[in-house]
PDB file of all heavy atoms in Angstrom:
ATOM      1  N   VAL A   1     105.100  69.454  78.958  1.00  0.00           N
ATOM      2  CA  VAL A   1     105.154  70.703  79.723  1.00  0.00           C
ATOM      3  C   VAL A   1     105.770  71.821  78.899  1.00  0.00           C
ATOM      4  O   VAL A   1     105.475  73.000  79.115  1.00  0.00           O
ATOM      5  CB  VAL A   1     105.942  70.492  81.042  1.00  0.00           C
ATOM      6  CG1 VAL A   1     106.196  71.822  81.755  1.00  0.00           C
ATOM      7  CG2 VAL A   1     105.167  69.567  81.963  1.00  0.00           C
ATOM      8  N   ASP A   2     106.617  71.480  77.935  1.00  0.00           N
ATOM      9  CA  ASP A   2     107.239  72.498  77.095  1.00  0.00           C
ATOM     10  C   ASP A   2     106.223  73.255  76.246  1.00  0.00           C
ATOM     11  O   ASP A   2     106.520  74.332  75.724  1.00  0.00           O
ATOM     12  CB  ASP A   2     108.293  71.859  76.168  1.00  0.00           C
ATOM     13  CG  ASP A   2     109.605  71.623  76.902  1.00  0.00           C
ATOM     14  OD1 ASP A   2     109.802  72.252  77.955  1.00  0.00           O
ATOM     15  OD2 ASP A   2     110.420  70.801  76.432  1.00  0.00           O
ATOM     16  N   ARG A   3     105.030  72.691  76.092  1.00  0.00           N
ATOM     17  CA  ARG A   3     103.984  73.394  75.346  1.00  0.00           C
ATOM     18  C   ARG A   3     103.500  74.575  76.176  1.00  0.00           C
ATOM     19  O   ARG A   3     103.281  74.470  77.379  1.00  0.00           O
ATOM     20  CB  ARG A   3     102.832  72.441  75.028  1.00  0.00           C
ATOM     21  CG  ARG A   3     103.279  71.299  74.118  1.00  0.00           C
ATOM     22  CD  ARG A   3     102.303  70.145  74.086  1.00  0.00           C
ATOM     23  NE  ARG A   3     102.883  68.999  73.395  1.00  0.00           N
ATOM     24  CZ  ARG A   3     102.358  67.788  73.394  1.00  0.00           C
ATOM     25  NH1 ARG A   3     101.226  67.564  74.029  1.00  0.00           N
ATOM     26  NH2 ARG A   3     102.957  66.790  72.756  1.00  0.00           N
ATOM     27  N   GLU A   4     103.294  75.709  75.544  1.00  0.00           N
ATOM     28  CA  GLU A   4     103.130  76.998  76.230  1.00  0.00           C
ATOM     29  C   GLU A   4     102.025  77.000  77.278  1.00  0.00           C
ATOM     30  O   GLU A   4     102.223  77.428  78.419  1.00  0.00           O
ATOM     31  CB  GLU A   4     102.850  78.092  75.198  1.00  0.00           C
ATOM     32  CG  GLU A   4     102.782  79.483  75.809  1.00  0.00           C
ATOM     33  CD  GLU A   4     102.609  80.557  74.756  1.00  0.00           C
ATOM     34  OE1 GLU A   4     102.751  80.254  73.556  1.00  0.00           O
ATOM     35  OE2 GLU A   4     102.327  81.699  75.146  1.00  0.00           O
ATOM     36  N   LYS A   5     100.856  76.494  76.949  1.00  0.00           N
ATOM     37  CA  LYS A   5      99.723  76.563  77.870  1.00  0.00           C
ATOM     38  C   LYS A   5      99.979  75.724  79.123  1.00  0.00           C
ATOM     39  O   LYS A   5      99.692  76.149  80.238  1.00  0.00           O
ATOM     40  CB  LYS A   5      98.457  76.067  77.159  1.00  0.00           C
ATOM     41  CG  LYS A   5      97.197  76.210  77.986  1.00  0.00           C
ATOM     42  CD  LYS A   5      95.977  75.781  77.194  1.00  0.00           C
ATOM     43  CE  LYS A   5      94.722  75.911  78.040  1.00  0.00           C
ATOM     44  NZ  LYS A   5      93.511  75.476  77.290  1.00  0.00           N
ATOM     45  N   ILE A   6     100.544  74.511  78.928  1.00  0.00           N
ATOM     46  CA  ILE A   6     100.818  73.636  80.058  1.00  0.00           C
ATOM     47  C   ILE A   6     101.896  74.238  80.948  1.00  0.00           C
ATOM     48  O   ILE A   6     101.822  74.177  82.176  1.00  0.00           O
ATOM     49  CB  ILE A   6     101.248  72.239  79.569  1.00  0.00           C
ATOM     50  CG1 ILE A   6     100.155  71.621  78.687  1.00  0.00           C
ATOM     51  CG2 ILE A   6     101.566  71.326  80.744  1.00  0.00           C
ATOM     52  CD1 ILE A   6      98.855  71.380  79.410  1.00  0.00           C
ATOM     53  N   ARG A   7     102.908  74.848  80.320  1.00  0.00           N
ATOM     54  CA  ARG A   7     103.983  75.468  81.091  1.00  0.00           C
ATOM     55  C   ARG A   7     103.441  76.589  81.971  1.00  0.00           C
ATOM     56  O   ARG A   7     103.848  76.745  83.131  1.00  0.00           O
ATOM     57  CB  ARG A   7     105.054  76.016  80.159  1.00  0.00           C
ATOM     58  CG  ARG A   7     106.324  76.456  80.900  1.00  0.00           C
ATOM     59  CD  ARG A   7     107.304  77.195  80.012  1.00  0.00           C
ATOM     60  NE  ARG A   7     107.630  76.422  78.817  1.00  0.00           N
ATOM     61  CZ  ARG A   7     107.327  76.821  77.584  1.00  0.00           C
ATOM     62  NH1 ARG A   7     106.667  77.954  77.389  1.00  0.00           N
ATOM     63  NH2 ARG A   7     107.659  76.085  76.551  1.00  0.00           N
ATOM     64  N   GLU A   8     102.518  77.361  81.428  1.00  0.00           N
ATOM     65  CA  GLU A   8     101.923  78.450  82.206  1.00  0.00           C
ATOM     66  C   GLU A   8     101.142  77.898  83.397  1.00  0.00           C
ATOM     67  O   GLU A   8     101.211  78.448  84.505  1.00  0.00           O
ATOM     68  CB  GLU A   8     100.987  79.267  81.303  1.00  0.00           C
ATOM     69  CG  GLU A   8     100.269  80.408  82.003  1.00  0.00           C
ATOM     70  CD  GLU A   8     101.201  81.501  82.499  1.00  0.00           C
ATOM     71  OE1 GLU A   8     102.338  81.584  81.996  1.00  0.00           O
ATOM     72  OE2 GLU A   8     100.795  82.256  83.405  1.00  0.00           O
ATOM     73  N   GLU A   9     100.419  76.801  83.208  1.00  0.00           N
ATOM     74  CA  GLU A   9      99.682  76.181  84.310  1.00  0.00           C
ATOM     75  C   GLU A   9     100.629  75.654  85.382  1.00  0.00           C
ATOM     76  O   GLU A   9     100.372  75.787  86.579  1.00  0.00           O
ATOM     77  CB  GLU A   9      98.808  75.042  83.769  1.00  0.00           C
ATOM     78  CG  GLU A   9      97.634  75.513  82.927  1.00  0.00           C
ATOM     79  CD  GLU A   9      96.771  74.373  82.436  1.00  0.00           C
ATOM     80  OE1 GLU A   9      97.025  73.222  82.865  1.00  0.00           O
ATOM     81  OE2 GLU A   9      95.854  74.615  81.637  1.00  0.00           O
ATOM     82  N   GLU A  10     101.736  75.033  84.938  1.00  0.00           N
ATOM     83  CA  GLU A  10     102.735  74.539  85.885  1.00  0.00           C
ATOM     84  C   GLU A  10     103.323  75.689  86.700  1.00  0.00           C
ATOM     85  O   GLU A  10     103.511  75.580  87.914  1.00  0.00           O
ATOM     86  CB  GLU A  10     103.862  73.820  85.132  1.00  0.00           C
ATOM     87  CG  GLU A  10     103.510  72.428  84.689  1.00  0.00           C
ATOM     88  CD  GLU A  10     103.678  71.429  85.818  1.00  0.00           C
ATOM     89  OE1 GLU A  10     104.804  71.012  86.101  1.00  0.00           O
ATOM     90  OE2 GLU A  10     102.649  71.091  86.438  1.00  0.00           O
ATOM     91  N   TYR A  11     103.609  76.795  86.018  1.00  0.00           N
ATOM     92  CA  TYR A  11     104.176  77.957  86.706  1.00  0.00           C
ATOM     93  C   TYR A  11     103.206  78.481  87.765  1.00  0.00           C
ATOM     94  O   TYR A  11     103.617  78.772  88.903  1.00  0.00           O
ATOM     95  CB  TYR A  11     104.484  79.066  85.695  1.00  0.00           C
ATOM     96  CG  TYR A  11     104.800  80.393  86.352  1.00  0.00           C
ATOM     97  CD1 TYR A  11     106.042  80.628  86.933  1.00  0.00           C
ATOM     98  CD2 TYR A  11     103.832  81.399  86.419  1.00  0.00           C
ATOM     99  CE1 TYR A  11     106.322  81.831  87.560  1.00  0.00           C
ATOM    100  CE2 TYR A  11     104.101  82.606  87.040  1.00  0.00           C
ATOM    101  CZ  TYR A  11     105.347  82.818  87.610  1.00  0.00           C
ATOM    102  OH  TYR A  11     105.612  84.000  88.243  1.00  0.00           O
ATOM    103  N   ARG A  12     101.953  78.609  87.409  1.00  0.00           N
ATOM    104  CA  ARG A  12     100.955  79.106  88.362  1.00  0.00           C
ATOM    105  C   ARG A  12     100.854  78.178  89.576  1.00  0.00           C
ATOM    106  O   ARG A  12     100.761  78.642  90.717  1.00  0.00           O
ATOM    107  CB  ARG A  12      99.582  79.217  87.686  1.00  0.00           C
ATOM    108  CG  ARG A  12      99.473  80.352  86.686  1.00  0.00           C
ATOM    109  CD  ARG A  12      98.062  80.423  86.126  1.00  0.00           C
ATOM    110  NE  ARG A  12      97.938  81.463  85.133  1.00  0.00           N
ATOM    111  CZ  ARG A  12      97.732  82.745  85.414  1.00  0.00           C
ATOM    112  NH1 ARG A  12      97.626  83.127  86.673  1.00  0.00           N
ATOM    113  NH2 ARG A  12      97.623  83.637  84.454  1.00  0.00           N
ATOM    114  N   LYS A  13     100.857  76.875  89.331  1.00  0.00           N
ATOM    115  CA  LYS A  13     100.744  75.911  90.420  1.00  0.00           C
ATOM    116  C   LYS A  13     101.926  76.034  91.381  1.00  0.00           C
ATOM    117  O   LYS A  13     101.755  76.095  92.606  1.00  0.00           O
ATOM    118  CB  LYS A  13     100.674  74.496  89.844  1.00  0.00           C
ATOM    119  CG  LYS A  13     100.618  73.399  90.895  1.00  0.00           C
ATOM    120  CD  LYS A  13     100.603  72.034  90.239  1.00  0.00           C
ATOM    121  CE  LYS A  13     100.631  70.928  91.284  1.00  0.00           C
ATOM    122  NZ  LYS A  13     100.647  69.577  90.659  1.00  0.00           N
ATOM    123  N   VAL A  14     103.147  76.094  90.813  1.00  0.00           N
ATOM    124  CA  VAL A  14     104.349  76.185  91.648  1.00  0.00           C
ATOM    125  C   VAL A  14     104.387  77.508  92.397  1.00  0.00           C
ATOM    126  O   VAL A  14     104.693  77.561  93.597  1.00  0.00           O
ATOM    127  CB  VAL A  14     105.623  76.019  90.785  1.00  0.00           C
ATOM    128  CG1 VAL A  14     106.873  76.311  91.615  1.00  0.00           C
ATOM    129  CG2 VAL A  14     105.691  74.610  90.210  1.00  0.00           C
ATOM    130  N   TRP A  15     104.046  78.607  91.692  1.00  0.00           N
ATOM    131  CA  TRP A  15     104.127  79.916  92.334  1.00  0.00           C
ATOM    132  C   TRP A  15     103.084  80.065  93.443  1.00  0.00           C
ATOM    133  O   TRP A  15     103.342  80.703  94.466  1.00  0.00           O
ATOM    134  CB  TRP A  15     103.956  81.027  91.302  1.00  0.00           C
ATOM    135  CG  TRP A  15     104.352  82.373  91.849  1.00  0.00           C
ATOM    136  CD1 TRP A  15     103.560  83.441  92.083  1.00  0.00           C
ATOM    137  CD2 TRP A  15     105.671  82.768  92.249  1.00  0.00           C
ATOM    138  NE1 TRP A  15     104.283  84.494  92.606  1.00  0.00           N
ATOM    139  CE2 TRP A  15     105.580  84.098  92.722  1.00  0.00           C
ATOM    140  CE3 TRP A  15     106.912  82.120  92.265  1.00  0.00           C
ATOM    141  CZ2 TRP A  15     106.690  84.794  93.201  1.00  0.00           C
ATOM    142  CZ3 TRP A  15     108.017  82.826  92.733  1.00  0.00           C
ATOM    143  CH2 TRP A  15     107.900  84.140  93.194  1.00  0.00           C
ATOM    144  N   ARG A  16     101.930  79.440  93.271  1.00  0.00           N
ATOM    145  CA  ARG A  16     100.917  79.455  94.330  1.00  0.00           C
ATOM    146  C   ARG A  16     101.445  78.750  95.579  1.00  0.00           C
ATOM    147  O   ARG A  16     101.267  79.226  96.696  1.00  0.00           O
ATOM    148  CB  ARG A  16      99.633  78.780  93.853  1.00  0.00           C
ATOM    149  CG  ARG A  16      98.510  78.821  94.912  1.00  0.00           C
ATOM    150  CD  ARG A  16      97.186  78.354  94.363  1.00  0.00           C
ATOM    151  NE  ARG A  16      97.263  77.010  93.858  1.00  0.00           N
ATOM    152  CZ  ARG A  16      96.939  76.646  92.614  1.00  0.00           C
ATOM    153  NH1 ARG A  16      96.508  77.548  91.762  1.00  0.00           N
ATOM    154  NH2 ARG A  16      97.024  75.393  92.237  1.00  0.00           N
ATOM    155  N   GLU A  17     102.134  77.616  95.389  1.00  0.00           N
ATOM    156  CA  GLU A  17     102.728  76.909  96.531  1.00  0.00           C
ATOM    157  C   GLU A  17     103.798  77.765  97.210  1.00  0.00           C
ATOM    158  O   GLU A  17     103.901  77.786  98.438  1.00  0.00           O
ATOM    159  CB  GLU A  17     103.334  75.571  96.070  1.00  0.00           C
ATOM    160  CG  GLU A  17     102.312  74.549  95.599  1.00  0.00           C
ATOM    161  CD  GLU A  17     101.356  74.150  96.706  1.00  0.00           C
ATOM    162  OE1 GLU A  17     101.783  74.084  97.875  1.00  0.00           O
ATOM    163  OE2 GLU A  17     100.173  73.896  96.400  1.00  0.00           O
ATOM    164  N   VAL A  18     104.583  78.472  96.394  1.00  0.00           N
ATOM    165  CA  VAL A  18     105.620  79.353  96.945  1.00  0.00           C
ATOM    166  C   VAL A  18     104.996  80.443  97.817  1.00  0.00           C
ATOM    167  O   VAL A  18     105.463  80.728  98.929  1.00  0.00           O
ATOM    168  CB  VAL A  18     106.455  79.984  95.806  1.00  0.00           C
ATOM    169  CG1 VAL A  18     107.332  81.126  96.336  1.00  0.00           C
ATOM    170  CG2 VAL A  18     107.314  78.929  95.128  1.00  0.00           C
ATOM    171  N   LEU A  19     103.931  81.060  97.326  1.00  0.00           N
ATOM    172  CA  LEU A  19     103.256  82.122  98.083  1.00  0.00           C
ATOM    173  C   LEU A  19     102.662  81.576  99.377  1.00  0.00           C
ATOM    174  O   LEU A  19     102.714  82.241 100.422  1.00  0.00           O
ATOM    175  CB  LEU A  19     102.166  82.755  97.220  1.00  0.00           C
ATOM    176  CG  LEU A  19     102.650  83.574  96.010  1.00  0.00           C
ATOM    177  CD1 LEU A  19     101.467  84.003  95.154  1.00  0.00           C
ATOM    178  CD2 LEU A  19     103.441  84.788  96.461  1.00  0.00           C
ATOM    179  N   GLU A  20     102.102  80.367  99.326  1.00  0.00           N
ATOM    180  CA  GLU A  20     101.537  79.771 100.536  1.00  0.00           C
ATOM    181  C   GLU A  20     102.631  79.494 101.573  1.00  0.00           C
ATOM    182  O   GLU A  20     102.436  79.705 102.774  1.00  0.00           O
ATOM    183  CB  GLU A  20     100.812  78.458 100.189  1.00  0.00           C
ATOM    184  CG  GLU A  20      99.519  78.641  99.413  1.00  0.00           C
ATOM    185  CD  GLU A  20      98.383  79.150 100.290  1.00  0.00           C
ATOM    186  OE1 GLU A  20      98.553  79.247 101.522  1.00  0.00           O
ATOM    187  OE2 GLU A  20      97.317  79.462  99.728  1.00  0.00           O
ATOM    188  N   ILE A  21     103.781  79.017 101.107  1.00  0.00           N
ATOM    189  CA  ILE A  21     104.900  78.758 102.021  1.00  0.00           C
ATOM    190  C   ILE A  21     105.382  80.057 102.654  1.00  0.00           C
ATOM    191  O   ILE A  21     105.641  80.122 103.866  1.00  0.00           O
ATOM    192  CB  ILE A  21     106.055  78.057 101.270  1.00  0.00           C
ATOM    193  CG1 ILE A  21     105.629  76.650 100.859  1.00  0.00           C
ATOM    194  CG2 ILE A  21     107.319  78.005 102.138  1.00  0.00           C
ATOM    195  CD1 ILE A  21     106.580  75.971  99.905  1.00  0.00           C
ATOM    196  N   ARG A  22     105.508  81.110 101.847  1.00  0.00           N
ATOM    197  CA  ARG A  22     105.938  82.412 102.383  1.00  0.00           C
ATOM    198  C   ARG A  22     104.956  82.937 103.420  1.00  0.00           C
ATOM    199  O   ARG A  22     105.345  83.435 104.472  1.00  0.00           O
ATOM    200  CB  ARG A  22     106.068  83.420 101.233  1.00  0.00           C
ATOM    201  CG  ARG A  22     107.263  83.206 100.317  1.00  0.00           C
ATOM    202  CD  ARG A  22     107.277  84.239  99.218  1.00  0.00           C
ATOM    203  NE  ARG A  22     107.291  85.594  99.775  1.00  0.00           N
ATOM    204  CZ  ARG A  22     106.954  86.691  99.076  1.00  0.00           C
ATOM    205  NH1 ARG A  22     106.556  86.571  97.808  1.00  0.00           N
ATOM    206  NH2 ARG A  22     106.990  87.863  99.649  1.00  0.00           N
ATOM    207  N   ARG A  23     103.656  82.805 103.115  1.00  0.00           N
ATOM    208  CA  ARG A  23     102.635  83.289 104.049  1.00  0.00           C
ATOM    209  C   ARG A  23     102.699  82.534 105.369  1.00  0.00           C
ATOM    210  O   ARG A  23     102.608  83.124 106.454  1.00  0.00           O
ATOM    211  CB  ARG A  23     101.250  83.111 103.417  1.00  0.00           C
ATOM    212  CG  ARG A  23     100.148  83.893 104.099  1.00  0.00           C
ATOM    213  CD  ARG A  23      98.798  83.640 103.451  1.00  0.00           C
ATOM    214  NE  ARG A  23      97.819  84.598 103.896  1.00  0.00           N
ATOM    215  CZ  ARG A  23      97.248  84.607 105.094  1.00  0.00           C
ATOM    216  NH1 ARG A  23      97.594  83.679 105.970  1.00  0.00           N
ATOM    217  NH2 ARG A  23      96.365  85.528 105.429  1.00  0.00           N
ATOM    218  N   SER A  24     102.857  81.208 105.268  1.00  0.00           N
ATOM    219  CA  SER A  24     102.948  80.394 106.475  1.00  0.00           C
ATOM    220  C   SER A  24     104.178  80.750 107.303  1.00  0.00           C
ATOM    221  O   SER A  24     104.129  80.805 108.534  1.00  0.00           O
ATOM    222  CB  SER A  24     102.990  78.907 106.082  1.00  0.00           C
ATOM    223  OG  SER A  24     103.134  78.090 107.208  1.00  0.00           O
ATOM    224  N   ALA A  25     105.301  81.024 106.616  1.00  0.00           N
ATOM    225  CA  ALA A  25     106.540  81.372 107.311  1.00  0.00           C
ATOM    226  C   ALA A  25     106.407  82.693 108.065  1.00  0.00           C
ATOM    227  O   ALA A  25     106.849  82.821 109.218  1.00  0.00           O
ATOM    228  CB  ALA A  25     107.695  81.443 106.310  1.00  0.00           C
ATOM    229  N   VAL A  26     105.778  83.683 107.432  1.00  0.00           N
ATOM    230  CA  VAL A  26     105.572  84.973 108.092  1.00  0.00           C
ATOM    231  C   VAL A  26     104.653  84.809 109.303  1.00  0.00           C
ATOM    232  O   VAL A  26     104.908  85.387 110.376  1.00  0.00           O
ATOM    233  CB  VAL A  26     104.986  86.009 107.105  1.00  0.00           C
ATOM    234  CG1 VAL A  26     104.616  87.302 107.833  1.00  0.00           C
ATOM    235  CG2 VAL A  26     105.973  86.301 105.988  1.00  0.00           C
ATOM    236  N   GLY A  27     103.604  84.010 109.154  1.00  0.00           N
ATOM    237  CA  GLY A  27     102.700  83.759 110.271  1.00  0.00           C
ATOM    238  C   GLY A  27     103.411  83.115 111.445  1.00  0.00           C
ATOM    239  O   GLY A  27     103.153  83.445 112.610  1.00  0.00           O
ATOM    240  N   GLU A  28     104.338  82.203 111.144  1.00  0.00           N
ATOM    241  CA  GLU A  28     105.098  81.548 112.215  1.00  0.00           C
ATOM    242  C   GLU A  28     105.987  82.552 112.954  1.00  0.00           C
ATOM    243  O   GLU A  28     106.102  82.500 114.183  1.00  0.00           O
ATOM    244  CB  GLU A  28     105.952  80.429 111.613  1.00  0.00           C
ATOM    245  CG  GLU A  28     106.672  79.591 112.654  1.00  0.00           C
ATOM    246  CD  GLU A  28     107.442  78.445 112.031  1.00  0.00           C
ATOM    247  OE1 GLU A  28     107.300  78.224 110.807  1.00  0.00           O
ATOM    248  OE2 GLU A  28     108.206  77.785 112.754  1.00  0.00           O
ATOM    249  N   LEU A  29     106.610  83.485 112.197  1.00  0.00           N
ATOM    250  CA  LEU A  29     107.449  84.514 112.834  1.00  0.00           C
ATOM    251  C   LEU A  29     106.626  85.413 113.751  1.00  0.00           C
ATOM    252  O   LEU A  29     107.083  85.802 114.831  1.00  0.00           O
ATOM    253  CB  LEU A  29     108.143  85.359 111.758  1.00  0.00           C
ATOM    254  CG  LEU A  29     109.220  84.653 110.919  1.00  0.00           C
ATOM    255  CD1 LEU A  29     109.742  85.598 109.839  1.00  0.00           C
ATOM    256  CD2 LEU A  29     110.367  84.182 111.804  1.00  0.00           C
ATOM    257  N   ILE A  30     105.395  85.715 113.326  1.00  0.00           N
ATOM    258  CA  ILE A  30     104.518  86.549 114.157  1.00  0.00           C
ATOM    259  C   ILE A  30     104.143  85.810 115.433  1.00  0.00           C
ATOM    260  O   ILE A  30     104.179  86.361 116.535  1.00  0.00           O
ATOM    261  CB  ILE A  30     103.251  86.965 113.373  1.00  0.00           C
ATOM    262  CG1 ILE A  30     103.623  87.881 112.204  1.00  0.00           C
ATOM    263  CG2 ILE A  30     102.255  87.667 114.287  1.00  0.00           C
ATOM    264  CD1 ILE A  30     102.453  88.201 111.284  1.00  0.00           C
ATOM    265  N   ARG A  31     103.782  84.513 115.302  1.00  0.00           N
ATOM    266  CA  ARG A  31     103.380  83.731 116.467  1.00  0.00           C
ATOM    267  C   ARG A  31     104.510  83.583 117.485  1.00  0.00           C
ATOM    268  O   ARG A  31     104.291  83.568 118.690  1.00  0.00           O
ATOM    269  CB  ARG A  31     102.899  82.343 116.025  1.00  0.00           C
ATOM    270  CG  ARG A  31     101.528  82.332 115.367  1.00  0.00           C
ATOM    271  CD  ARG A  31     100.987  80.928 115.236  1.00  0.00           C
ATOM    272  NE  ARG A  31     101.843  80.093 114.417  1.00  0.00           N
ATOM    273  CZ  ARG A  31     101.751  80.006 113.083  1.00  0.00           C
ATOM    274  NH1 ARG A  31     100.828  80.720 112.442  1.00  0.00           N
ATOM    275  NH2 ARG A  31     102.554  79.225 112.404  1.00  0.00           N
ATOM    276  N   LYS A  32     105.748  83.486 116.987  1.00  0.00           N
ATOM    277  CA  LYS A  32     106.901  83.332 117.884  1.00  0.00           C
ATOM    278  C   LYS A  32     107.389  84.658 118.457  1.00  0.00           C
ATOM    279  O   LYS A  32     108.304  84.681 119.288  1.00  0.00           O
ATOM    280  CB  LYS A  32     108.050  82.644 117.136  1.00  0.00           C
ATOM    281  CG  LYS A  32     107.772  81.177 116.811  1.00  0.00           C
ATOM    282  CD  LYS A  32     108.956  80.546 116.098  1.00  0.00           C
ATOM    283  CE  LYS A  32     108.723  79.056 115.852  1.00  0.00           C
ATOM    284  NZ  LYS A  32     109.859  78.427 115.144  1.00  0.00           N
ATOM    285  N   GLY A  33     106.804  85.764 117.983  1.00  0.00           N
ATOM    286  CA  GLY A  33     107.191  87.072 118.496  1.00  0.00           C
ATOM    287  C   GLY A  33     108.495  87.593 117.928  1.00  0.00           C
ATOM    288  O   GLY A  33     109.069  88.559 118.447  1.00  0.00           O
ATOM    289  N   ILE A  34     108.987  86.985 116.843  1.00  0.00           N
ATOM    290  CA  ILE A  34     110.248  87.422 116.239  1.00  0.00           C
ATOM    291  C   ILE A  34     110.066  88.730 115.484  1.00  0.00           C
ATOM    292  O   ILE A  34     110.955  89.581 115.449  1.00  0.00           O
ATOM    293  CB  ILE A  34     110.799  86.317 115.312  1.00  0.00           C
ATOM    294  CG1 ILE A  34     111.099  85.054 116.148  1.00  0.00           C
ATOM    295  CG2 ILE A  34     112.040  86.784 114.570  1.00  0.00           C
ATOM    296  CD1 ILE A  34     111.508  83.858 115.320  1.00  0.00           C
TER     297      ILE A  34
END
């Protein structure tokens, strides 16, 4: 993973999961009326 190209792929994968979690959390707040 320390090799540059693989590290970049790992970063993209993790950051995509982070964005999906954030999106889901905001959707839950909207559904609950918060």
